[in-house]
Amino acid sequence: MVKWDGSKRLNRTVPFKGLKAVPFKGSEGMTTLIATHEMHFAREMADRVIVIENGDIVESGSPEQIFTSPQTERTKTFLRRVLTRFVF
């Protein structure tokens, strides 16, 4: 199952709240791929995170590895920008 959060077309300075209602965590026997710019959501819900830029995989790993110890400078820069934008 593939889901797209649609936030790319929204104003990224405002958090996309619609994802809170998405009931797919723990769907047994089904792999779900979600493309999102909402890193707080991805960190909470994902089993695996893949960072993609211009169609290329920049980095992939567990949410713990990606968000606490990213290996590439591109991932570090991206996370620094998006995670400091909102205070939850």
C-alpha atoms as a PDB file:
ATOM      1  CA  MET A   1       0.000   0.000   0.000  1.00  0.00           C
ATOM      2  CA  VAL A   2       1.386   3.406  -0.932  1.00  0.00           C
ATOM      3  CA  LYS A   3       0.211   6.613   0.750  1.00  0.00           C
ATOM      4  CA  TRP A   4       1.212  10.155  -0.062  1.00  0.00           C
ATOM      5  CA  ASP A   5       0.529  12.842   2.507  1.00  0.00           C
ATOM      6  CA  GLY A   6       0.085  15.628  -0.017  1.00  0.00           C
ATOM      7  CA  SER A   7       2.088  18.076   2.081  1.00  0.00           C
ATOM      8  CA  LYS A   8       4.347  18.956  -0.842  1.00  0.00           C
ATOM      9  CA  ARG A   9       1.539  21.078  -2.233  1.00  0.00           C
ATOM     10  CA  LEU A  10       0.780  22.668   1.131  1.00  0.00           C
ATOM     11  CA  ASN A  11       2.526  25.513   2.884  1.00  0.00           C
ATOM     12  CA  ARG A  12       5.436  23.760   4.622  1.00  0.00           C
ATOM     13  CA  THR A  13       5.548  26.394   7.342  1.00  0.00           C
ATOM     14  CA  VAL A  14       2.308  24.944   8.735  1.00  0.00           C
ATOM     15  CA  PRO A  15       2.340  21.326  10.030  1.00  0.00           C
ATOM     16  CA  PHE A  16       0.057  18.939   8.112  1.00  0.00           C
ATOM     17  CA  LYS A  17      -2.389  17.694  10.738  1.00  0.00           C
ATOM     18  CA  GLY A  18      -4.267  15.194   8.559  1.00  0.00           C
ATOM     19  CA  LEU A  19      -1.663  12.475   9.091  1.00  0.00           C
ATOM     20  CA  LYS A  20      -2.669  12.061  12.737  1.00  0.00           C
ATOM     21  CA  ALA A  21      -5.830  10.298  11.586  1.00  0.00           C
ATOM     22  CA  VAL A  22      -4.105   7.762   9.310  1.00  0.00           C
ATOM     23  CA  PRO A  23      -4.767   4.289  10.779  1.00  0.00           C
ATOM     24  CA  PHE A  24      -2.097   2.099   9.178  1.00  0.00           C
ATOM     25  CA  LYS A  25       0.473   1.470  11.906  1.00  0.00           C
ATOM     26  CA  GLY A  26       0.567  -2.222  12.676  1.00  0.00           C
ATOM     27  CA  SER A  27      -1.340  -3.434   9.623  1.00  0.00           C
ATOM     28  CA  GLU A  28      -0.457  -7.102   9.744  1.00  0.00           C
ATOM     29  CA  GLY A  29       0.793  -8.684   6.547  1.00  0.00           C
ATOM     30  CA  MET A  30       0.895  -5.427   4.612  1.00  0.00           C
ATOM     31  CA  THR A  31       3.857  -3.243   3.746  1.00  0.00           C
ATOM     32  CA  THR A  32       3.010   0.444   3.697  1.00  0.00           C
ATOM     33  CA  LEU A  33       5.165   3.059   2.006  1.00  0.00           C
ATOM     34  CA  ILE A  34       4.523   6.679   2.931  1.00  0.00           C
ATOM     35  CA  ALA A  35       6.124   9.627   1.184  1.00  0.00           C
ATOM     36  CA  THR A  36       6.099  12.591   3.550  1.00  0.00           C
ATOM     37  CA  HIS A  37       7.888  15.785   4.465  1.00  0.00           C
ATOM     38  CA  GLU A  38       6.599  15.481   8.048  1.00  0.00           C
ATOM     39  CA  MET A  39       9.663  14.232   9.893  1.00  0.00           C
ATOM     40  CA  HIS A  40       8.027  14.110  13.332  1.00  0.00           C
ATOM     41  CA  PHE A  41       5.378  11.797  11.875  1.00  0.00           C
ATOM     42  CA  ALA A  42       7.984   9.678  10.078  1.00  0.00           C
ATOM     43  CA  ARG A  43      10.092   9.311  13.211  1.00  0.00           C
ATOM     44  CA  GLU A  44       7.098   8.160  15.252  1.00  0.00           C
ATOM     45  CA  MET A  45       5.513   5.809  12.721  1.00  0.00           C
ATOM     46  CA  ALA A  46       8.287   4.347  10.578  1.00  0.00           C
ATOM     47  CA  ASP A  47      10.117   1.055  10.913  1.00  0.00           C
ATOM     48  CA  ARG A  48      12.569   2.242   8.250  1.00  0.00           C
ATOM     49  CA  VAL A  49      13.329   5.728   6.908  1.00  0.00           C
ATOM     50  CA  ILE A  50      14.696   6.444   3.439  1.00  0.00           C
ATOM     51  CA  VAL A  51      15.952   9.933   2.610  1.00  0.00           C
ATOM     52  CA  ILE A  52      15.606  10.692  -1.106  1.00  0.00           C
ATOM     53  CA  GLU A  53      16.853  13.705  -3.044  1.00  0.00           C
ATOM     54  CA  ASN A  54      16.271  14.171  -6.773  1.00  0.00           C
ATOM     55  CA  GLY A  55      15.213  10.521  -7.082  1.00  0.00           C
ATOM     56  CA  ASP A  56      18.392   9.164  -5.457  1.00  0.00           C
ATOM     57  CA  ILE A  57      18.564   7.436  -2.087  1.00  0.00           C
ATOM     58  CA  VAL A  58      20.790   9.608   0.082  1.00  0.00           C
ATOM     59  CA  GLU A  59      20.554   7.474   3.224  1.00  0.00           C
ATOM     60  CA  SER A  60      18.383   4.773   4.764  1.00  0.00           C
ATOM     61  CA  GLY A  61      18.100   3.161   8.157  1.00  0.00           C
ATOM     62  CA  SER A  62      16.034   2.898  11.298  1.00  0.00           C
ATOM     63  CA  PRO A  63      14.347   6.066  12.577  1.00  0.00           C
ATOM     64  CA  GLU A  64      16.758   6.006  15.532  1.00  0.00           C
ATOM     65  CA  GLN A  65      19.801   5.954  13.238  1.00  0.00           C
ATOM     66  CA  ILE A  66      18.512   8.549  10.765  1.00  0.00           C
ATOM     67  CA  PHE A  67      17.252  11.055  13.335  1.00  0.00           C
ATOM     68  CA  THR A  68      19.936  10.748  16.007  1.00  0.00           C
ATOM     69  CA  SER A  69      23.029   9.851  14.026  1.00  0.00           C
ATOM     70  CA  PRO A  70      22.653  10.597  10.302  1.00  0.00           C
ATOM     71  CA  GLN A  71      25.661   9.562   8.234  1.00  0.00           C
ATOM     72  CA  THR A  72      25.491  11.951   5.277  1.00  0.00           C
ATOM     73  CA  GLU A  73      25.923  15.711   5.321  1.00  0.00           C
ATOM     74  CA  ARG A  74      22.823  16.095   3.125  1.00  0.00           C
ATOM     75  CA  THR A  75      20.643  14.268   5.666  1.00  0.00           C
ATOM     76  CA  LYS A  76      22.122  16.296   8.527  1.00  0.00           C
ATOM     77  CA  THR A  77      21.414  19.565   6.718  1.00  0.00           C
ATOM     78  CA  PHE A  78      17.877  18.535   5.785  1.00  0.00           C
ATOM     79  CA  LEU A  79      16.971  17.414   9.307  1.00  0.00           C
ATOM     80  CA  ARG A  80      18.501  20.501  10.870  1.00  0.00           C
ATOM     81  CA  ARG A  81      16.286  22.669   8.645  1.00  0.00           C
ATOM     82  CA  VAL A  82      12.998  20.801   9.032  1.00  0.00           C
ATOM     83  CA  LEU A  83      13.225  19.798  12.684  1.00  0.00           C
ATOM     84  CA  THR A  84      14.007  23.300  13.955  1.00  0.00           C
ATOM     85  CA  ARG A  85      11.126  24.843  12.008  1.00  0.00           C
ATOM     86  CA  PHE A  86       8.380  23.649  14.382  1.00  0.00           C
ATOM     87  CA  VAL A  87       8.242  23.314  18.121  1.00  0.00           C
ATOM     88  CA  PHE A  88       5.729  20.689  19.272  1.00  0.00           C
END
